Amino acid sequence: MDQRILERIARQDGPLQSLTRQELELEREPFTGEPQPKPVRAWVRFGETAVTVDAEVCSWTPHAVAIRFTIAGREFKTWVWSSAVREVSPRPKL
């Protein structure tokens, strides 16, 4: 997505949405921290607007993933369902 459009969405379309404590079930689900954050593409929502962003995985449970990403120099952190995240394939070396 065009960076300028993403900046406008993050600024105007509402707050970044995240899964709730009830949805995460952190008291019952195993939680894993990621010592080496991995690059991913993830679907997130600002208000009602869904967009894909380049992000890093910070931690996860069997059903959810904590990610962080930056838009216009501002860092965002959120929890999304694991199905909203896709690994980024490494670029082949030339």
Protein backbone atom coordinates (compact mmCIF):
# COMPACT_ATOMS: atom_id res chain seq x y z
CA MET A 1 0.00 0.00 0.00
CA ASP A 2 1.19 3.50 -0.77
CA GLN A 3 2.91 4.95 2.31
CA ARG A 4 1.04 8.28 2.08
CA ILE A 5 -2.31 6.49 2.06
CA LEU A 6 -1.27 4.38 5.05
CA GLU A 7 -0.19 7.52 6.93
CA ARG A 8 -3.57 9.16 6.26
CA ILE A 9 -5.48 6.06 7.40
CA ALA A 10 -3.44 5.81 10.61
CA ARG A 11 -4.05 9.50 11.30
CA GLN A 12 -7.73 9.84 10.34
CA ASP A 13 -9.61 6.53 10.31
CA GLY A 14 -9.68 5.82 14.03
CA PRO A 15 -7.56 4.09 16.65
CA LEU A 16 -5.57 0.95 15.95
CA GLN A 17 -7.71 -2.04 16.94
CA SER A 18 -6.33 -4.91 19.04
CA LEU A 19 -7.68 -8.19 20.37
CA THR A 20 -9.19 -7.98 23.85
CA ARG A 21 -7.91 -9.72 26.99
CA GLN A 22 -10.89 -12.08 26.73
CA GLU A 23 -9.98 -13.01 23.16
CA LEU A 24 -6.29 -13.50 24.01
CA GLU A 25 -6.92 -15.76 27.01
CA LEU A 26 -3.36 -15.12 28.21
CA GLU A 27 -4.20 -16.67 31.59
CA ARG A 28 -4.98 -20.01 29.89
CA GLU A 29 -3.00 -20.07 26.64
CA PRO A 30 0.76 -20.63 26.41
CA PHE A 31 2.61 -17.42 25.59
CA THR A 32 5.88 -17.27 23.62
CA GLY A 33 8.16 -14.24 23.34
CA GLU A 34 10.24 -13.80 20.19
CA PRO A 35 13.89 -12.92 20.97
CA GLN A 36 14.60 -12.25 17.26
CA PRO A 37 11.55 -10.49 15.76
CA LYS A 38 10.57 -11.94 12.38
CA PRO A 39 9.33 -9.83 9.45
CA VAL A 40 5.71 -10.42 8.40
CA ARG A 41 2.83 -8.84 6.49
CA ALA A 42 -0.25 -8.43 8.66
CA TRP A 43 -3.81 -7.21 8.41
CA VAL A 44 -4.62 -4.52 10.99
CA ARG A 45 -7.57 -2.16 11.49
CA PHE A 46 -7.57 1.56 12.13
CA GLY A 47 -11.15 2.18 13.15
CA GLU A 48 -13.18 0.28 10.54
CA THR A 49 -10.46 0.42 7.85
CA ALA A 50 -8.46 -2.78 7.29
CA VAL A 51 -4.97 -2.46 5.76
CA THR A 52 -1.89 -4.62 5.40
CA VAL A 53 1.37 -3.48 6.95
CA ASP A 54 4.97 -4.65 7.08
CA ALA A 55 5.50 -5.67 10.69
CA GLU A 56 7.58 -7.77 13.08
CA VAL A 57 6.34 -10.58 15.30
CA CYS A 58 7.07 -9.84 18.97
CA SER A 59 5.26 -12.76 20.63
CA TRP A 60 2.42 -15.19 20.08
CA THR A 61 -0.08 -17.65 21.50
CA PRO A 62 -1.59 -20.62 19.64
CA HIS A 63 -4.24 -18.29 18.14
CA ALA A 64 -2.90 -14.72 18.21
CA VAL A 65 0.24 -12.76 17.31
CA ALA A 66 1.64 -9.58 18.84
CA ILE A 67 3.16 -7.39 16.14
CA ARG A 68 4.83 -4.00 15.91
CA PHE A 69 5.16 -1.74 12.90
CA THR A 70 6.05 1.85 12.09
CA ILE A 71 4.13 4.43 10.10
CA ALA A 72 5.63 7.90 9.56
CA GLY A 73 8.14 7.36 12.37
CA ARG A 74 5.47 6.31 14.90
CA GLU A 75 5.64 2.77 16.33
CA PHE A 76 2.41 0.83 16.71
CA LYS A 77 1.89 -2.42 18.66
CA THR A 78 -1.16 -4.64 18.52
CA TRP A 79 -2.47 -8.20 18.84
CA VAL A 80 -4.09 -9.81 15.78
CA TRP A 81 -5.42 -13.29 15.02
CA SER A 82 -2.66 -15.56 13.71
CA SER A 83 -4.57 -15.99 10.42
CA ALA A 84 -4.08 -12.24 9.78
CA VAL A 85 -0.29 -12.70 9.56
CA ARG A 86 1.83 -13.98 6.67
CA GLU A 87 5.56 -14.63 6.77
CA VAL A 88 7.68 -12.57 4.42
CA SER A 89 9.75 -14.68 2.06
CA PRO A 90 13.43 -13.78 2.12
CA ARG A 91 14.68 -12.17 -1.06
CA PRO A 92 17.02 -14.34 -3.11
CA LYS A 93 20.65 -13.28 -3.03
CA LEU A 94 22.00 -12.07 -6.35
